[in-house]
Protein backbone atom coordinates (compact mmCIF):
# COMPACT_ATOMS: atom_id res chain seq x y z
CA UNK A 1 -8.51 9.99 13.79
CA UNK A 2 -5.91 11.28 11.39
CA UNK A 3 -5.64 11.44 7.60
CA UNK A 4 -2.60 9.56 6.66
CA UNK A 5 -0.88 9.57 3.24
CA UNK A 6 0.87 6.38 2.61
CA UNK A 7 3.71 6.76 0.03
CA UNK A 8 4.79 3.59 -1.71
CA UNK A 9 6.46 2.27 -4.80
CA UNK A 10 9.33 4.38 -5.82
CA UNK A 11 12.12 4.43 -8.45
CA UNK A 12 14.37 1.85 -6.72
CA UNK A 13 14.93 -1.79 -7.48
CA UNK A 14 12.71 -2.51 -4.47
CA UNK A 15 9.63 -0.99 -5.95
CA UNK A 16 7.66 -4.07 -5.87
CA UNK A 17 8.87 -4.88 -2.26
CA UNK A 18 7.47 -1.56 -1.29
CA UNK A 19 4.11 -2.08 -2.95
CA UNK A 20 3.68 -5.42 -0.97
CA UNK A 21 4.92 -4.13 2.39
CA UNK A 22 2.69 -0.89 2.16
CA UNK A 23 -0.35 -3.29 2.40
CA UNK A 24 0.47 -4.08 6.07
CA UNK A 25 0.80 -0.50 6.79
CA UNK A 26 -2.51 0.48 5.16
CA UNK A 27 -4.43 -2.31 6.88
CA UNK A 28 -2.96 -1.42 10.38
CA UNK A 29 -3.99 2.18 9.96
CA UNK A 30 -7.51 1.35 8.81
CA UNK A 31 -7.95 -1.12 11.62
CA UNK A 32 -7.22 1.75 14.21
CA UNK A 33 -9.73 4.07 12.42
CA UNK A 34 -7.53 6.33 10.46
CA UNK A 35 -8.48 7.53 6.97
CA UNK A 36 -5.73 6.49 4.41
CA UNK A 37 -4.67 7.82 1.04
CA UNK A 38 -2.40 5.66 -0.92
CA UNK A 39 0.13 7.69 -3.11
CA UNK A 40 1.95 5.42 -5.46
CA UNK A 41 5.19 6.50 -7.06
CA UNK A 42 5.98 4.94 -10.16
CA UNK A 43 9.26 3.70 -11.53
CA UNK A 44 9.68 6.80 -13.57
CA UNK A 45 9.12 8.99 -10.51
CA UNK A 46 5.51 9.95 -11.48
CA UNK A 47 3.03 10.15 -8.36
CA UNK A 48 -0.55 8.65 -8.45
CA UNK A 49 -3.65 8.53 -6.18
CA UNK A 50 -3.83 4.83 -5.92
CA UNK A 51 -6.50 2.46 -4.99
CA UNK A 52 -5.89 1.85 -1.32
CA UNK A 53 -7.96 -1.42 -1.41
CA UNK A 54 -5.73 -3.06 -4.05
CA UNK A 55 -3.58 -6.06 -3.02
CA UNK A 56 -0.78 -5.65 -3.45
CA UNK A 57 -0.88 -1.85 -3.94
CA UNK A 58 -0.15 -0.59 -7.43
CA UNK A 59 1.60 2.72 -8.32
CA UNK A 60 -1.10 3.74 -10.79
CA UNK A 61 -4.28 5.95 -10.81
CA UNK A 62 -4.79 9.78 -11.36
CA UNK A 63 -1.63 11.73 -11.28
CA UNK A 64 -1.02 13.81 -8.13
CA UNK A 65 1.61 16.32 -6.93
CA UNK A 66 2.59 17.67 -3.58
CA UNK A 67 2.15 21.23 -3.50
CA UNK A 68 4.86 23.02 -1.70
CA UNK A 69 4.90 24.98 0.69
CA UNK A 70 1.16 24.19 1.56
CA UNK A 71 1.93 20.51 1.89
CA UNK A 72 -1.35 19.52 0.28
CA UNK A 73 -1.77 16.90 -2.52
CA UNK A 74 -3.30 18.10 -5.74
CA UNK A 75 -4.81 16.18 -8.44
CA UNK A 76 -6.65 17.91 -11.36
CA UNK A 77 -8.51 20.57 -9.64
CA UNK A 78 -8.99 18.67 -6.55
CA UNK A 79 -7.07 19.28 -3.31
CA UNK A 80 -6.33 16.47 -0.74
CA UNK A 81 -5.06 17.60 2.67
CA UNK A 82 -3.56 15.22 5.04
CA UNK A 83 -2.21 15.15 8.58
CA UNK A 84 0.84 13.19 8.23
CA UNK A 85 2.90 11.21 5.63
CA UNK A 86 3.94 7.68 6.08
CA UNK A 87 6.59 6.68 3.68
CA UNK A 88 6.87 2.93 2.88
CA UNK A 89 9.49 3.47 0.29
CA UNK A 90 12.85 1.45 0.03
CA UNK A 91 16.19 2.24 -1.58
CA UNK A 92 17.16 5.67 -3.21
CA UNK A 93 14.55 8.27 -3.01
CA UNK A 94 12.93 6.64 -0.08
CA UNK A 95 15.19 5.67 2.71
CA UNK A 96 18.16 8.14 1.88
CA UNK A 97 16.66 11.42 3.15
CA UNK A 98 15.45 12.68 -0.14
CA UNK A 99 11.65 12.33 0.36
CA UNK A 100 12.06 13.30 4.11
CA UNK A 101 13.75 16.58 2.94
CA UNK A 102 10.77 17.17 0.60
CA UNK A 103 8.42 16.65 3.42
CA UNK A 104 10.28 18.97 5.59
CA UNK A 105 10.29 21.74 2.92
CA UNK A 106 6.53 21.34 2.59
CA UNK A 107 5.94 21.39 6.18
CA UNK A 108 4.47 17.91 6.34
CA UNK A 109 4.90 15.84 9.50
CA UNK A 110 6.03 12.34 8.49
CA UNK A 111 6.75 8.93 10.13
CA UNK A 112 10.17 7.65 10.57
CA UNK A 113 13.85 9.04 10.61
CA UNK A 114 14.60 12.45 9.79
CA UNK A 115 16.83 13.66 6.76
CA UNK A 116 20.20 13.17 8.52
CA UNK A 117 19.27 9.81 9.98
CA UNK A 118 17.94 8.47 6.80
CA UNK A 119 21.11 9.82 4.72
CA UNK A 120 23.57 8.27 7.21
């Protein structure tokens, strides 16, 4: 099965909605046997390796960055490769093509609309 990085939270006014709706995505992926990493994006734009078992998910935990162009998540000295990104982000920096463009620059496959479709 796939290693899926679920991105949630974000800088928009819909931060809390994303934290709640991402739970359904995580549970569905786990029920199908996928391995899930939860990546919470704080209101300030900081990224965190979140606890995927929290309900709702919270954008806290150790800091993490997406290494470009390798497309690997890095926290401290540890590297966390994944197969696909699943953005569950609402509003600006999530549904506007921004994060999709970043995934494309990093060579990371992702779920959902592409850059142009999201921007429109």
